[in-house]
Structure formats: structure tokens, C-alpha cells
Amino acid sequence: MTLHREEASRSIEQWRRRIDEIDRQLVALLNERLRCAMEIGRLKQVARLPLYQPEREQEILANVERANPGPLPVTALRRLFERILDEARSMERQAMRGEPPRED
């Protein structure tokens, strides 16, 4: 009985290390994505384009939904990306105003 518990504990720790690595990769990718959004904000300012472009956001949501093989439910994926888009829009707004990124 103890052997199984020890094996399970080792296995859990291995999975947690894998999750930690994935989290680091996600953070790097999210920051890269937001740097792109900030550049788009600067370009929108120059081109005098509106910050909010709902058709583009719908296109992004449709793209990620099509790319989702699961097991993440589409509704959960959509909520995550709606939040990502909200943060990207905030960063674009700051870039359009010439403000540095927030550090909060």
C-alpha cells in the first residue's frame, strides 16, 4: 500500500513539474502576444483606426475554437480568450496614447 502511495506521489510531482514548464511557456507566449498587440495599437494610432474592432475579435475567437482539439471545452476556451483580448485591448489603448506598459 505504501509503495503505491509513494509511486503516486512521485508521479504527481512529475506532472506538476510538467505543468510548471507549460505555465512558463504560456507566460512567454502571452507576453509575446501582448507585445504584438501594443505594436498594432501604435499602428492604429498612426493610421487613425479605431481601437475596438469587433469583427477582428470574432475572427480570433472563431480561429481558436477551430484550433481546439480538446479536452478544453469551447465555452472555457472562449472565456479565456475573451479575457486575453480584453487585456490586449487595454495594452493597445496604452500604446495608442504613447503610455508605457503597466507594471501592476
PDB file of N, CA and C in Angstrom:
ATOM      1  N   MET A   1       0.826  -1.200   0.000  1.00  0.00           N
ATOM      2  CA  MET A   1       0.000   0.000   0.000  1.00  0.00           C
ATOM      3  C   MET A   1       0.870   1.264   0.000  1.00  0.00           C
ATOM      4  N   THR A   2       1.895   1.297   0.824  1.00  0.00           N
ATOM      5  CA  THR A   2       2.768   2.459   0.904  1.00  0.00           C
ATOM      6  C   THR A   2       3.512   2.675  -0.405  1.00  0.00           C
ATOM      7  N   LEU A   3       3.929   1.590  -1.044  1.00  0.00           N
ATOM      8  CA  LEU A   3       4.641   1.697  -2.309  1.00  0.00           C
ATOM      9  C   LEU A   3       3.788   2.399  -3.359  1.00  0.00           C
ATOM     10  N   HIS A   4       2.528   2.060  -3.440  1.00  0.00           N
ATOM     11  CA  HIS A   4       1.632   2.688  -4.412  1.00  0.00           C
ATOM     12  C   HIS A   4       1.464   4.177  -4.126  1.00  0.00           C
ATOM     13  N   ARG A   5       1.367   4.499  -2.859  1.00  0.00           N
ATOM     14  CA  ARG A   5       1.219   5.903  -2.464  1.00  0.00           C
ATOM     15  C   ARG A   5       2.481   6.683  -2.832  1.00  0.00           C
ATOM     16  N   GLU A   6       3.659   6.112  -2.597  1.00  0.00           N
ATOM     17  CA  GLU A   6       4.913   6.764  -2.961  1.00  0.00           C
ATOM     18  C   GLU A   6       5.035   6.925  -4.473  1.00  0.00           C
ATOM     19  N   GLU A   7       4.641   5.911  -5.219  1.00  0.00           N
ATOM     20  CA  GLU A   7       4.664   5.994  -6.684  1.00  0.00           C
ATOM     21  C   GLU A   7       3.720   7.071  -7.180  1.00  0.00           C
ATOM     22  N   ALA A   8       2.546   7.125  -6.571  1.00  0.00           N
ATOM     23  CA  ALA A   8       1.573   8.149  -6.954  1.00  0.00           C
ATOM     24  C   ALA A   8       2.121   9.537  -6.653  1.00  0.00           C
ATOM     25  N   SER A   9       2.764   9.697  -5.492  1.00  0.00           N
ATOM     26  CA  SER A   9       3.332  10.997  -5.125  1.00  0.00           C
ATOM     27  C   SER A   9       4.417  11.408  -6.112  1.00  0.00           C
ATOM     28  N   ARG A  10       5.280  10.466  -6.500  1.00  0.00           N
ATOM     29  CA  ARG A  10       6.327  10.772  -7.491  1.00  0.00           C
ATOM     30  C   ARG A  10       5.696  11.152  -8.826  1.00  0.00           C
ATOM     31  N   SER A  11       4.681  10.431  -9.208  1.00  0.00           N
ATOM     32  CA  SER A  11       4.012  10.707 -10.472  1.00  0.00           C
ATOM     33  C   SER A  11       3.346  12.087 -10.456  1.00  0.00           C
ATOM     34  N   ILE A  12       2.708  12.414  -9.344  1.00  0.00           N
ATOM     35  CA  ILE A  12       2.080  13.735  -9.202  1.00  0.00           C
ATOM     36  C   ILE A  12       3.134  14.822  -9.336  1.00  0.00           C
ATOM     37  N   GLU A  13       4.270  14.643  -8.683  1.00  0.00           N
ATOM     38  CA  GLU A  13       5.342  15.641  -8.762  1.00  0.00           C
ATOM     39  C   GLU A  13       5.855  15.789 -10.189  1.00  0.00           C
ATOM     40  N   GLN A  14       5.959  14.706 -10.933  1.00  0.00           N
ATOM     41  CA  GLN A  14       6.392  14.780 -12.331  1.00  0.00           C
ATOM     42  C   GLN A  14       5.387  15.579 -13.154  1.00  0.00           C
ATOM     43  N   TRP A  15       4.112  15.309 -12.952  1.00  0.00           N
ATOM     44  CA  TRP A  15       3.080  16.053 -13.688  1.00  0.00           C
ATOM     45  C   TRP A  15       3.092  17.524 -13.296  1.00  0.00           C
ATOM     46  N   ARG A  16       3.307  17.811 -12.029  1.00  0.00           N
ATOM     47  CA  ARG A  16       3.359  19.208 -11.582  1.00  0.00           C
ATOM     48  C   ARG A  16       4.547  19.938 -12.197  1.00  0.00           C
ATOM     49  N   ARG A  17       5.691  19.255 -12.303  1.00  0.00           N
ATOM     50  CA  ARG A  17       6.850  19.891 -12.958  1.00  0.00           C
ATOM     51  C   ARG A  17       6.522  20.188 -14.416  1.00  0.00           C
ATOM     52  N   ARG A  18       5.825  19.275 -15.062  1.00  0.00           N
ATOM     53  CA  ARG A  18       5.421  19.489 -16.465  1.00  0.00           C
ATOM     54  C   ARG A  18       4.472  20.681 -16.565  1.00  0.00           C
ATOM     55  N   ILE A  19       3.524  20.780 -15.644  1.00  0.00           N
ATOM     56  CA  ILE A  19       2.592  21.914 -15.623  1.00  0.00           C
ATOM     57  C   ILE A  19       3.354  23.216 -15.406  1.00  0.00           C
ATOM     58  N   ASP A  20       4.326  23.202 -14.492  1.00  0.00           N
ATOM     59  CA  ASP A  20       5.131  24.413 -14.251  1.00  0.00           C
ATOM     60  C   ASP A  20       5.854  24.852 -15.524  1.00  0.00           C
ATOM     61  N   GLU A  21       6.388  23.914 -16.269  1.00  0.00           N
ATOM     62  CA  GLU A  21       7.069  24.238 -17.530  1.00  0.00           C
ATOM     63  C   GLU A  21       6.076  24.804 -18.553  1.00  0.00           C
ATOM     64  N   ILE A  22       4.924  24.194 -18.652  1.00  0.00           N
ATOM     65  CA  ILE A  22       3.885  24.694 -19.574  1.00  0.00           C
ATOM     66  C   ILE A  22       3.470  26.102 -19.170  1.00  0.00           C
ATOM     67  N   ASP A  23       3.319  26.340 -17.864  1.00  0.00           N
ATOM     68  CA  ASP A  23       2.954  27.684 -17.394  1.00  0.00           C
ATOM     69  C   ASP A  23       3.999  28.714 -17.808  1.00  0.00           C
ATOM     70  N   ARG A  24       5.281  28.358 -17.697  1.00  0.00           N
ATOM     71  CA  ARG A  24       6.335  29.289 -18.120  1.00  0.00           C
ATOM     72  C   ARG A  24       6.217  29.588 -19.620  1.00  0.00           C
ATOM     73  N   GLN A  25       5.920  28.557 -20.390  1.00  0.00           N
ATOM     74  CA  GLN A  25       5.762  28.751 -21.837  1.00  0.00           C
ATOM     75  C   GLN A  25       4.546  29.626 -22.134  1.00  0.00           C
ATOM     76  N   LEU A  26       3.457  29.405 -21.410  1.00  0.00           N
ATOM     77  CA  LEU A  26       2.254  30.224 -21.601  1.00  0.00           C
ATOM     78  C   LEU A  26       2.535  31.692 -21.289  1.00  0.00           C
ATOM     79  N   VAL A  27       3.251  31.943 -20.204  1.00  0.00           N
ATOM     80  CA  VAL A  27       3.588  33.324 -19.839  1.00  0.00           C
ATOM     81  C   VAL A  27       4.405  33.974 -20.948  1.00  0.00           C
ATOM     82  N   ALA A  28       5.382  33.255 -21.464  1.00  0.00           N
ATOM     83  CA  ALA A  28       6.208  33.804 -22.548  1.00  0.00           C
ATOM     84  C   ALA A  28       5.361  34.094 -23.777  1.00  0.00           C
ATOM     85  N   LEU A  29       4.481  33.184 -24.134  1.00  0.00           N
ATOM     86  CA  LEU A  29       3.636  33.375 -25.319  1.00  0.00           C
ATOM     87  C   LEU A  29       2.637  34.511 -25.120  1.00  0.00           C
ATOM     88  N   LEU A  30       2.059  34.610 -23.926  1.00  0.00           N
ATOM     89  CA  LEU A  30       1.111  35.700 -23.666  1.00  0.00           C
ATOM     90  C   LEU A  30       1.821  37.057 -23.747  1.00  0.00           C
ATOM     91  N   ASN A  31       3.018  37.138 -23.195  1.00  0.00           N
ATOM     92  CA  ASN A  31       3.770  38.395 -23.286  1.00  0.00           C
ATOM     93  C   ASN A  31       4.134  38.724 -24.730  1.00  0.00           C
ATOM     94  N   GLU A  32       4.501  37.722 -25.502  1.00  0.00           N
ATOM     95  CA  GLU A  32       4.795  37.947 -26.919  1.00  0.00           C
ATOM     96  C   GLU A  32       3.550  38.433 -27.650  1.00  0.00           C
ATOM     97  N   ARG A  33       2.409  37.811 -27.344  1.00  0.00           N
ATOM     98  CA  ARG A  33       1.151  38.209 -27.970  1.00  0.00           C
ATOM     99  C   ARG A  33       0.816  39.666 -27.626  1.00  0.00           C
ATOM    100  N   LEU A  34       1.018  40.045 -26.370  1.00  0.00           N
ATOM    101  CA  LEU A  34       0.695  41.414 -25.958  1.00  0.00           C
ATOM    102  C   LEU A  34       1.670  42.429 -26.546  1.00  0.00           C
ATOM    103  N   ARG A  35       2.916  42.036 -26.748  1.00  0.00           N
ATOM    104  CA  ARG A  35       3.845  42.948 -27.449  1.00  0.00           C
ATOM    105  C   ARG A  35       3.340  43.208 -28.872  1.00  0.00           C
ATOM    106  N   CYS A  36       2.824  42.169 -29.515  1.00  0.00           N
ATOM    107  CA  CYS A  36       2.248  42.332 -30.865  1.00  0.00           C
ATOM    108  C   CYS A  36       1.048  43.273 -30.812  1.00  0.00           C
ATOM    109  N   ALA A  37       0.190  43.095 -29.813  1.00  0.00           N
ATOM    110  CA  ALA A  37      -0.989  43.952 -29.675  1.00  0.00           C
ATOM    111  C   ALA A  37      -0.581  45.411 -29.459  1.00  0.00           C
ATOM    112  N   MET A  38       0.474  45.631 -28.688  1.00  0.00           N
ATOM    113  CA  MET A  38       0.935  47.005 -28.470  1.00  0.00           C
ATOM    114  C   MET A  38       1.419  47.625 -29.775  1.00  0.00           C
ATOM    115  N   GLU A  39       2.107  46.845 -30.576  1.00  0.00           N
ATOM    116  CA  GLU A  39       2.568  47.371 -31.868  1.00  0.00           C
ATOM    117  C   GLU A  39       1.371  47.674 -32.767  1.00  0.00           C
ATOM    118  N   ILE A  40       0.376  46.820 -32.751  1.00  0.00           N
ATOM    119  CA  ILE A  40      -0.843  47.083 -33.521  1.00  0.00           C
ATOM    120  C   ILE A  40      -1.490  48.370 -33.032  1.00  0.00           C
ATOM    121  N   GLY A  41      -1.509  48.593 -31.718  1.00  0.00           N
ATOM    122  CA  GLY A  41      -2.064  49.832 -31.174  1.00  0.00           C
ATOM    123  C   GLY A  41      -1.333  51.058 -31.706  1.00  0.00           C
ATOM    124  N   ARG A  42      -0.012  50.979 -31.761  1.00  0.00           N
ATOM    125  CA  ARG A  42       0.756  52.110 -32.301  1.00  0.00           C
ATOM    126  C   ARG A  42       0.411  52.359 -33.767  1.00  0.00           C
ATOM    127  N   LEU A  43       0.310  51.258 -34.512  1.00  0.00           N
ATOM    128  CA  LEU A  43      -0.022  51.380 -35.943  1.00  0.00           C
ATOM    129  C   LEU A  43      -1.445  51.901 -36.139  1.00  0.00           C
ATOM    130  N   LYS A  44      -2.371  51.479 -35.291  1.00  0.00           N
ATOM    131  CA  LYS A  44      -3.742  52.007 -35.370  1.00  0.00           C
ATOM    132  C   LYS A  44      -3.756  53.504 -35.112  1.00  0.00           C
ATOM    133  N   GLN A  45      -2.923  53.944 -34.166  1.00  0.00           N
ATOM    134  CA  GLN A  45      -2.847  55.380 -33.866  1.00  0.00           C
ATOM    135  C   GLN A  45      -2.377  56.138 -35.098  1.00  0.00           C
ATOM    136  N   VAL A  46      -1.323  55.655 -35.732  1.00  0.00           N
ATOM    137  CA  VAL A  46      -0.778  56.310 -36.922  1.00  0.00           C
ATOM    138  C   VAL A  46      -1.808  56.325 -38.047  1.00  0.00           C
ATOM    139  N   ALA A  47      -2.498  55.198 -38.232  1.00  0.00           N
ATOM    140  CA  ALA A  47      -3.471  55.076 -39.321  1.00  0.00           C
ATOM    141  C   ALA A  47      -4.844  55.639 -38.954  1.00  0.00           C
ATOM    142  N   ARG A  48      -4.962  56.116 -37.703  1.00  0.00           N
ATOM    143  CA  ARG A  48      -6.232  56.661 -37.206  1.00  0.00           C
ATOM    144  C   ARG A  48      -7.368  55.636 -37.317  1.00  0.00           C
ATOM    145  N   LEU A  49      -7.058  54.409 -36.930  1.00  0.00           N
ATOM    146  CA  LEU A  49      -8.055  53.338 -36.918  1.00  0.00           C
ATOM    147  C   LEU A  49      -8.621  53.209 -35.513  1.00  0.00           C
ATOM    148  N   PRO A  50      -9.844  52.724 -35.391  1.00  0.00           N
ATOM    149  CA  PRO A  50     -10.431  52.575 -34.051  1.00  0.00           C
ATOM    150  C   PRO A  50      -9.749  51.447 -33.269  1.00  0.00           C
ATOM    151  N   LEU A  51      -9.700  51.624 -31.973  1.00  0.00           N
ATOM    152  CA  LEU A  51      -9.127  50.613 -31.101  1.00  0.00           C
ATOM    153  C   LEU A  51      -9.924  49.317 -31.188  1.00  0.00           C
ATOM    154  N   TYR A  52     -11.208  49.427 -30.957  1.00  0.00           N
ATOM    155  CA  TYR A  52     -12.070  48.241 -30.880  1.00  0.00           C
ATOM    156  C   TYR A  52     -12.561  47.872 -32.268  1.00  0.00           C
ATOM    157  N   GLN A  53     -12.258  46.658 -32.676  1.00  0.00           N
ATOM    158  CA  GLN A  53     -12.698  46.140 -33.966  1.00  0.00           C
ATOM    159  C   GLN A  53     -13.368  44.785 -33.719  1.00  0.00           C
ATOM    160  N   PRO A  54     -14.672  44.824 -33.430  1.00  0.00           N
ATOM    161  CA  PRO A  54     -15.372  43.595 -33.012  1.00  0.00           C
ATOM    162  C   PRO A  54     -15.302  42.469 -34.036  1.00  0.00           C
ATOM    163  N   GLU A  55     -15.253  42.806 -35.313  1.00  0.00           N
ATOM    164  CA  GLU A  55     -15.186  41.751 -36.324  1.00  0.00           C
ATOM    165  C   GLU A  55     -13.865  40.989 -36.227  1.00  0.00           C
ATOM    166  N   ARG A  56     -12.793  41.677 -35.885  1.00  0.00           N
ATOM    167  CA  ARG A  56     -11.496  41.013 -35.715  1.00  0.00           C
ATOM    168  C   ARG A  56     -11.518  40.111 -34.482  1.00  0.00           C
ATOM    169  N   GLU A  57     -12.125  40.588 -33.409  1.00  0.00           N
ATOM    170  CA  GLU A  57     -12.206  39.769 -32.204  1.00  0.00           C
ATOM    171  C   GLU A  57     -13.043  38.510 -32.456  1.00  0.00           C
ATOM    172  N   GLN A  58     -14.122  38.640 -33.209  1.00  0.00           N
ATOM    173  CA  GLN A  58     -14.924  37.453 -33.548  1.00  0.00           C
ATOM    174  C   GLN A  58     -14.123  36.483 -34.405  1.00  0.00           C
ATOM    175  N   GLU A  59     -13.315  37.029 -35.298  1.00  0.00           N
ATOM    176  CA  GLU A  59     -12.456  36.191 -36.142  1.00  0.00           C
ATOM    177  C   GLU A  59     -11.446  35.419 -35.281  1.00  0.00           C
ATOM    178  N   ILE A  60     -10.849  36.097 -34.302  1.00  0.00           N
ATOM    179  CA  ILE A  60      -9.892  35.447 -33.405  1.00  0.00           C
ATOM    180  C   ILE A  60     -10.574  34.326 -32.627  1.00  0.00           C
ATOM    181  N   LEU A  61     -11.748  34.610 -32.075  1.00  0.00           N
ATOM    182  CA  LEU A  61     -12.467  33.591 -31.304  1.00  0.00           C
ATOM    183  C   LEU A  61     -12.830  32.392 -32.176  1.00  0.00           C
ATOM    184  N   ALA A  62     -13.259  32.648 -33.392  1.00  0.00           N
ATOM    185  CA  ALA A  62     -13.587  31.552 -34.309  1.00  0.00           C
ATOM    186  C   ALA A  62     -12.337  30.738 -34.633  1.00  0.00           C
ATOM    187  N   ASN A  63     -11.205  31.407 -34.829  1.00  0.00           N
ATOM    188  CA  ASN A  63      -9.948  30.712 -35.132  1.00  0.00           C
ATOM    189  C   ASN A  63      -9.526  29.797 -33.990  1.00  0.00           C
ATOM    190  N   VAL A  64      -9.573  30.304 -32.756  1.00  0.00           N
ATOM    191  CA  VAL A  64      -9.135  29.466 -31.637  1.00  0.00           C
ATOM    192  C   VAL A  64     -10.112  28.327 -31.374  1.00  0.00           C
ATOM    193  N   GLU A  65     -11.380  28.564 -31.609  1.00  0.00           N
ATOM    194  CA  GLU A  65     -12.356  27.483 -31.450  1.00  0.00           C
ATOM    195  C   GLU A  65     -12.095  26.370 -32.464  1.00  0.00           C
ATOM    196  N   ARG A  66     -11.781  26.740 -33.704  1.00  0.00           N
ATOM    197  CA  ARG A  66     -11.478  25.734 -34.731  1.00  0.00           C
ATOM    198  C   ARG A  66     -10.185  24.981 -34.409  1.00  0.00           C
ATOM    199  N   ALA A  67      -9.246  25.651 -33.769  1.00  0.00           N
ATOM    200  CA  ALA A  67      -7.948  25.047 -33.468  1.00  0.00           C
ATOM    201  C   ALA A  67      -7.989  24.144 -32.229  1.00  0.00           C
ATOM    202  N   ASN A  68      -9.068  24.171 -31.502  1.00  0.00           N
ATOM    203  CA  ASN A  68      -9.159  23.458 -30.226  1.00  0.00           C
ATOM    204  C   ASN A  68      -9.481  21.973 -30.418  1.00  0.00           C
ATOM    205  N   PRO A  69      -8.510  21.078 -30.130  1.00  0.00           N
ATOM    206  CA  PRO A  69      -8.791  19.647 -30.233  1.00  0.00           C
ATOM    207  C   PRO A  69      -9.380  19.069 -28.946  1.00  0.00           C
ATOM    208  N   GLY A  70      -9.505  19.882 -27.889  1.00  0.00           N
ATOM    209  CA  GLY A  70      -9.986  19.399 -26.610  1.00  0.00           C
ATOM    210  C   GLY A  70      -8.822  18.891 -25.786  1.00  0.00           C
ATOM    211  N   PRO A  71      -9.003  18.581 -24.557  1.00  0.00           N
ATOM    212  CA  PRO A  71     -10.267  18.421 -23.851  1.00  0.00           C
ATOM    213  C   PRO A  71     -10.881  19.716 -23.327  1.00  0.00           C
ATOM    214  N   LEU A  72     -10.221  20.868 -23.548  1.00  0.00           N
ATOM    215  CA  LEU A  72     -10.769  22.136 -23.064  1.00  0.00           C
ATOM    216  C   LEU A  72     -12.081  22.428 -23.786  1.00  0.00           C
ATOM    217  N   PRO A  73     -13.175  22.575 -23.035  1.00  0.00           N
ATOM    218  CA  PRO A  73     -14.459  22.892 -23.679  1.00  0.00           C
ATOM    219  C   PRO A  73     -14.395  24.241 -24.397  1.00  0.00           C
ATOM    220  N   VAL A  74     -15.107  24.345 -25.493  1.00  0.00           N
ATOM    221  CA  VAL A  74     -15.118  25.579 -26.290  1.00  0.00           C
ATOM    222  C   VAL A  74     -15.561  26.769 -25.437  1.00  0.00           C
ATOM    223  N   THR A  75     -16.527  26.567 -24.559  1.00  0.00           N
ATOM    224  CA  THR A  75     -17.000  27.689 -23.728  1.00  0.00           C
ATOM    225  C   THR A  75     -15.892  28.197 -22.812  1.00  0.00           C
ATOM    226  N   ALA A  76     -15.095  27.287 -22.259  1.00  0.00           N
ATOM    227  CA  ALA A  76     -13.983  27.691 -21.394  1.00  0.00           C
ATOM    228  C   ALA A  76     -12.905  28.385 -22.220  1.00  0.00           C
ATOM    229  N   LEU A  77     -12.607  27.847 -23.388  1.00  0.00           N
ATOM    230  CA  LEU A  77     -11.622  28.451 -24.279  1.00  0.00           C
ATOM    231  C   LEU A  77     -12.054  29.862 -24.653  1.00  0.00           C
ATOM    232  N   ARG A  78     -13.308  30.021 -24.963  1.00  0.00           N
ATOM    233  CA  ARG A  78     -13.837  31.333 -25.334  1.00  0.00           C
ATOM    234  C   ARG A  78     -13.683  32.328 -24.185  1.00  0.00           C
ATOM    235  N   ARG A  79     -14.005  31.899 -22.947  1.00  0.00           N
ATOM    236  CA  ARG A  79     -13.853  32.787 -21.783  1.00  0.00           C
ATOM    237  C   ARG A  79     -12.401  33.199 -21.598  1.00  0.00           C
ATOM    238  N   LEU A  80     -11.479  32.252 -21.736  1.00  0.00           N
ATOM    239  CA  LEU A  80     -10.055  32.565 -21.602  1.00  0.00           C
ATOM    240  C   LEU A  80      -9.621  33.587 -22.645  1.00  0.00           C
ATOM    241  N   PHE A  81     -10.019  33.362 -23.887  1.00  0.00           N
ATOM    242  CA  PHE A  81      -9.588  34.278 -24.946  1.00  0.00           C
ATOM    243  C   PHE A  81     -10.301  35.617 -24.870  1.00  0.00           C
ATOM    244  N   GLU A  82     -11.515  35.662 -24.379  1.00  0.00           N
ATOM    245  CA  GLU A  82     -12.172  36.952 -24.184  1.00  0.00           C
ATOM    246  C   GLU A  82     -11.379  37.787 -23.186  1.00  0.00           C
ATOM    247  N   ARG A  83     -10.856  37.137 -22.159  1.00  0.00           N
ATOM    248  CA  ARG A  83     -10.037  37.844 -21.171  1.00  0.00           C
ATOM    249  C   ARG A  83      -8.712  38.291 -21.785  1.00  0.00           C
ATOM    250  N   ILE A  84      -8.089  37.409 -22.572  1.00  0.00           N
ATOM    251  CA  ILE A  84      -6.840  37.759 -23.253  1.00  0.00           C
ATOM    252  C   ILE A  84      -7.068  38.952 -24.179  1.00  0.00           C
ATOM    253  N   LEU A  85      -8.173  38.932 -24.924  1.00  0.00           N
ATOM    254  CA  LEU A  85      -8.489  40.037 -25.833  1.00  0.00           C
ATOM    255  C   LEU A  85      -8.735  41.335 -25.066  1.00  0.00           C
ATOM    256  N   ASP A  86      -9.384  41.225 -23.918  1.00  0.00           N
ATOM    257  CA  ASP A  86      -9.634  42.404 -23.092  1.00  0.00           C
ATOM    258  C   ASP A  86      -8.310  43.028 -22.639  1.00  0.00           C
ATOM    259  N   GLU A  87      -7.379  42.190 -22.198  1.00  0.00           N
ATOM    260  CA  GLU A  87      -6.066  42.698 -21.780  1.00  0.00           C
ATOM    261  C   GLU A  87      -5.295  43.266 -22.972  1.00  0.00           C
ATOM    262  N   ALA A  88      -5.389  42.610 -24.114  1.00  0.00           N
ATOM    263  CA  ALA A  88      -4.710  43.103 -25.315  1.00  0.00           C
ATOM    264  C   ALA A  88      -5.262  44.474 -25.716  1.00  0.00           C
ATOM    265  N   ARG A  89      -6.573  44.626 -25.638  1.00  0.00           N
ATOM    266  CA  ARG A  89      -7.196  45.908 -25.973  1.00  0.00           C
ATOM    267  C   ARG A  89      -6.705  47.000 -25.025  1.00  0.00           C
ATOM    268  N   SER A  90      -6.570  46.673 -23.755  1.00  0.00           N
ATOM    269  CA  SER A  90      -6.066  47.629 -22.776  1.00  0.00           C
ATOM    270  C   SER A  90      -4.625  48.038 -23.108  1.00  0.00           C
ATOM    271  N   MET A  91      -3.801  47.074 -23.483  1.00  0.00           N
ATOM    272  CA  MET A  91      -2.413  47.369 -23.854  1.00  0.00           C
ATOM    273  C   MET A  91      -2.359  48.185 -25.155  1.00  0.00           C
ATOM    274  N   GLU A  92      -3.233  47.858 -26.094  1.00  0.00           N
ATOM    275  CA  GLU A  92      -3.296  48.650 -27.341  1.00  0.00           C
ATOM    276  C   GLU A  92      -3.660  50.091 -27.024  1.00  0.00           C
ATOM    277  N   ARG A  93      -4.633  50.271 -26.127  1.00  0.00           N
ATOM    278  CA  ARG A  93      -5.072  51.622 -25.749  1.00  0.00           C
ATOM    279  C   ARG A  93      -3.893  52.415 -25.171  1.00  0.00           C
ATOM    280  N   GLN A  94      -3.123  51.776 -24.305  1.00  0.00           N
ATOM    281  CA  GLN A  94      -1.955  52.444 -23.728  1.00  0.00           C
ATOM    282  C   GLN A  94      -0.945  52.807 -24.818  1.00  0.00           C
ATOM    283  N   ALA A  95      -0.709  51.891 -25.745  1.00  0.00           N
ATOM    284  CA  ALA A  95       0.246  52.147 -26.824  1.00  0.00           C
ATOM    285  C   ALA A  95      -0.242  53.281 -27.710  1.00  0.00           C
ATOM    286  N   MET A  96      -1.556  53.345 -27.941  1.00  0.00           N
ATOM    287  CA  MET A  96      -2.110  54.416 -28.772  1.00  0.00           C
ATOM    288  C   MET A  96      -1.914  55.775 -28.105  1.00  0.00           C
ATOM    289  N   ARG A  97      -1.891  55.777 -26.771  1.00  0.00           N
ATOM    290  CA  ARG A  97      -1.687  57.027 -26.031  1.00  0.00           C
ATOM    291  C   ARG A  97      -0.211  57.324 -25.794  1.00  0.00           C
ATOM    292  N   GLY A  98       0.642  56.401 -26.222  1.00  0.00           N
ATOM    293  CA  GLY A  98       2.074  56.586 -26.010  1.00  0.00           C
ATOM    294  C   GLY A  98       2.506  56.290 -24.585  1.00  0.00           C
ATOM    295  N   GLU A  99       1.668  55.575 -23.825  1.00  0.00           N
ATOM    296  CA  GLU A  99       1.987  55.251 -22.427  1.00  0.00           C
ATOM    297  C   GLU A  99       2.817  53.973 -22.369  1.00  0.00           C
ATOM    298  N   PRO A 100       3.721  53.879 -21.386  1.00  0.00           N
ATOM    299  CA  PRO A 100       4.457  52.633 -21.209  1.00  0.00           C
ATOM    300  C   PRO A 100       3.522  51.558 -20.634  1.00  0.00           C
ATOM    301  N   PRO A 101       3.854  50.295 -20.805  1.00  0.00           N
ATOM    302  CA  PRO A 101       3.017  49.229 -20.232  1.00  0.00           C
ATOM    303  C   PRO A 101       2.927  49.349 -18.713  1.00  0.00           C
ATOM    304  N   ARG A 102       1.775  49.001 -18.161  1.00  0.00           N
ATOM    305  CA  ARG A 102       1.581  48.988 -16.714  1.00  0.00           C
ATOM    306  C   ARG A 102       2.416  47.875 -16.092  1.00  0.00           C
ATOM    307  N   GLU A 103       2.809  48.086 -14.883  1.00  0.00           N
ATOM    308  CA  GLU A 103       3.578  47.072 -14.150  1.00  0.00           C
ATOM    309  C   GLU A 103       2.817  46.574 -12.939  1.00  0.00           C
ATOM    310  N   ASP A 104       1.494  46.702 -12.926  1.00  0.00           N
ATOM    311  CA  ASP A 104       0.714  46.302 -11.749  1.00  0.00           C
ATOM    312  C   ASP A 104       0.365  44.855 -11.707  1.00  0.00           C
TER     313      ASP A 104
END
